[in-house]
Amino acid sequence: MDTSETRDAEPTLYIHSISPACRLLPSSSQWNSIEVNFNLFPQTRNTWDYESIPSRFSKSVDFKLTVINKKNFKRFIYASSAIVSLLIILCLLLHFLPNKNRHRGATKDLTLALKQALIFFDAQKSGVLPKDNMVKFRGDSGLEDGNKSLVGGFYDSGNNIKFSFPTAYTITLLSWSVIEYHPKYEEIGELDHIKSIIRWGSDYLLKLFIRPNETSPGSATLFSQVGAMSNNKTSTEDDDNCWQRPEDMRYTRPVSSCDQTASDLAGEIIAALSAASLVFKEDNKYSTNLTKTAMELFDIVTKDDPRFVQGMYTTKEECGGQARGVYNSTGYKDELVWGGTWLFFATGNTSYLRYATENLVSAKEEELSVDKGVFYWNNKFTANTVLLTRLRFFKDLGYPYEESFTSSTNNVDSVMCSYLSPTMHKTQGGLVFLKPDQYAPLEYAATASFLSKLYSDYLALLPRSSSSCTDGTSFSVETLQDFSMSQVNYILGDNPMKMIYVVGFGNNYPMHVHHRGASIPWDNQWHSCAEGSTWLNSEKPNPNELLGAMVGGPDQNDMFLDKRDKPRFTEPTISSNAGLVAALVALHDPPHSPSSQNGADILGIDKSGIFHNIHLI
């Protein structure tokens, strides 16, 4: 059959994907063909058609479509195009416009990360463990500590030593996170859990302070450490030389003690007990005991006597000589100011606030240049100015505090500007390296994340959308939130090595964590000190997963070594995990149900709870 005859016998309308002009094209008889340019048409089987029409396609396709009414068809095309355009514009608006209720960059499961980070503290508990302890490779330990008077508390890190200074800091920070964000903890079912962790620590802190008595009038005692840390390798079995599970310890564990001149240690214990008293304000008896103890200790270590000498606990050998190598304190005024501020929140007594504000300048002068803007166990100045700024924003007390409050806000703004500055020392992967000369950078990045998100919430509550830097630039609430989230995202895997630095979160996390209890099998057998090197030097993954532990982290080049004998990379600590917990809860979505917020703002932060005991006339 002749193909050309068939085409003449059966008139057909064509749609041609020809030019980008979007015009109607005439056929041999009438305007009965429509050009639709979809760029999708395959080549036709008929190679002889439409040779004279210019096209970027060499062929056309016969769909055998008939247009009955050209006007209606054109209306359909125009209407469809308009609808598609509107949908595109709507999608772009939804994507780019700011959403106050959306956490920017929240690509990780922060609920899971927070739950796991809290479990790490259960793995660090010393003493008689509760029956419902969530870590199955841990048992009772340290039952003879301090002749049984110092049983309890937390092992600091991968060793079996209990350091009082970072323990107190840990309890202060965890308590602060609950005071601010308890609605979030409650929403995800972790409020009771973290309160039990805090109480485990505050119970132990109460044991560290021995009041003056008749046998030692005017002299108080503070215990700074349980367990020995050898400064040189010896054959003596102790917590440093033995790679041994805490349950297997049989060696003598000495106790380091201080007098009341250990001002930094005392100040941090005061802060911890005061902050914890707010966490347990519904338990009036326990809360009162915490506050009373803090007040007694504060009176002793801040007494106005020219003969009384204040100082750092690590300057005296019998007090902090062994801790000097790992938790050396470089000042004490920031801790005393920190303690006074928290004691004011705990009691409402303005004498404590007066002490804090009057000594704020001296605390700033004492701050080392390498510590400026860094919040960690050795430096509380920046965090203290955040608290005083909170007072200024939401409970402005006026005279005589205006100058201290204003300078505090200026300091906080300056710190936030430094976090966001292009000159801030960061790795190529985006991790802030706040202390380039020190290892374990994640601890400092976590607290920077916490403070920046917390401050952004304060600004949002005012409400203010931004604040200023001294160079004339400014930063927005959203920018602070983005920075805060970027640090947590880095910790949770958004880094060049794709390494998740929290054990058990995701799939690619450290398997050789520097930790005695996690690296030795839980096999119902006693393992001696001599056997320790077998587990320490083993290249096999830890037999016990230390869930939720944040390790030290990478170096300045974003490089990380997952080796058990490289503690600078793989050792976790309770102080660093406290910063992680605080950052995670700050960044967590607010409660979905208003009824569960208990007076908290829509952001999930309790605006007024911290002022519970402040009743000014």
Foldseek 3Di string as FASTA:
>chain_A
DDPVVVCVVDPFEFEFQFDPPQDQDADPPGSWYGYDNPVDDDADPDQPPPCPGHGPDSHGDGPRDGDPDPVVVVVVVVVVVVVVVVVVVVVVCVVPPDDPQDQPPPPADLLVLLVQLLLLLLVFKEAAHDPVNPFPLDGHFPCCWPPNLQTIFGQFWQWRKHFLLLLLVLLLLLLVLCLWFVLLCVQSVNLVSSLVSSVRSLVNLVSQWADADPVGPLKIKGWGMKWFDDPDDDPDDTRNLFLFDRRQDDDHIDIFMDILQQQQSLLSSLSSLLSSLLSVVVVVVSSVVSLVVSVVSLCSNPPPDPVDHHDHQCVDCSRNVRVCVPDNAQDRLQSSLSSLLSSCLSAQDCVSVVSNLVSLVVLVVSDDPLCQLFDFSRGCNLVSLLSLCLCCLAPNPDPPRVVSNVVSVLSNQQSLCLLVDPPFQAAPLGQGQSRQVAFLRLLRSLLLLLSLLVVLVSCVVSPDQWDDHPVGHIDGSSRSSVSSSSSQVVCCQSGPVSENQFWPRDDHYQQQAQHSSQQDDSDPDRDDSVCSVVSQQDPDGGPGTSGSFGASADHSNRDADSHNNPRSRHMGTSRSSSSNSSSSSSSDRANPDPVSLVCPDNRSTNSCSSNVNNDDD
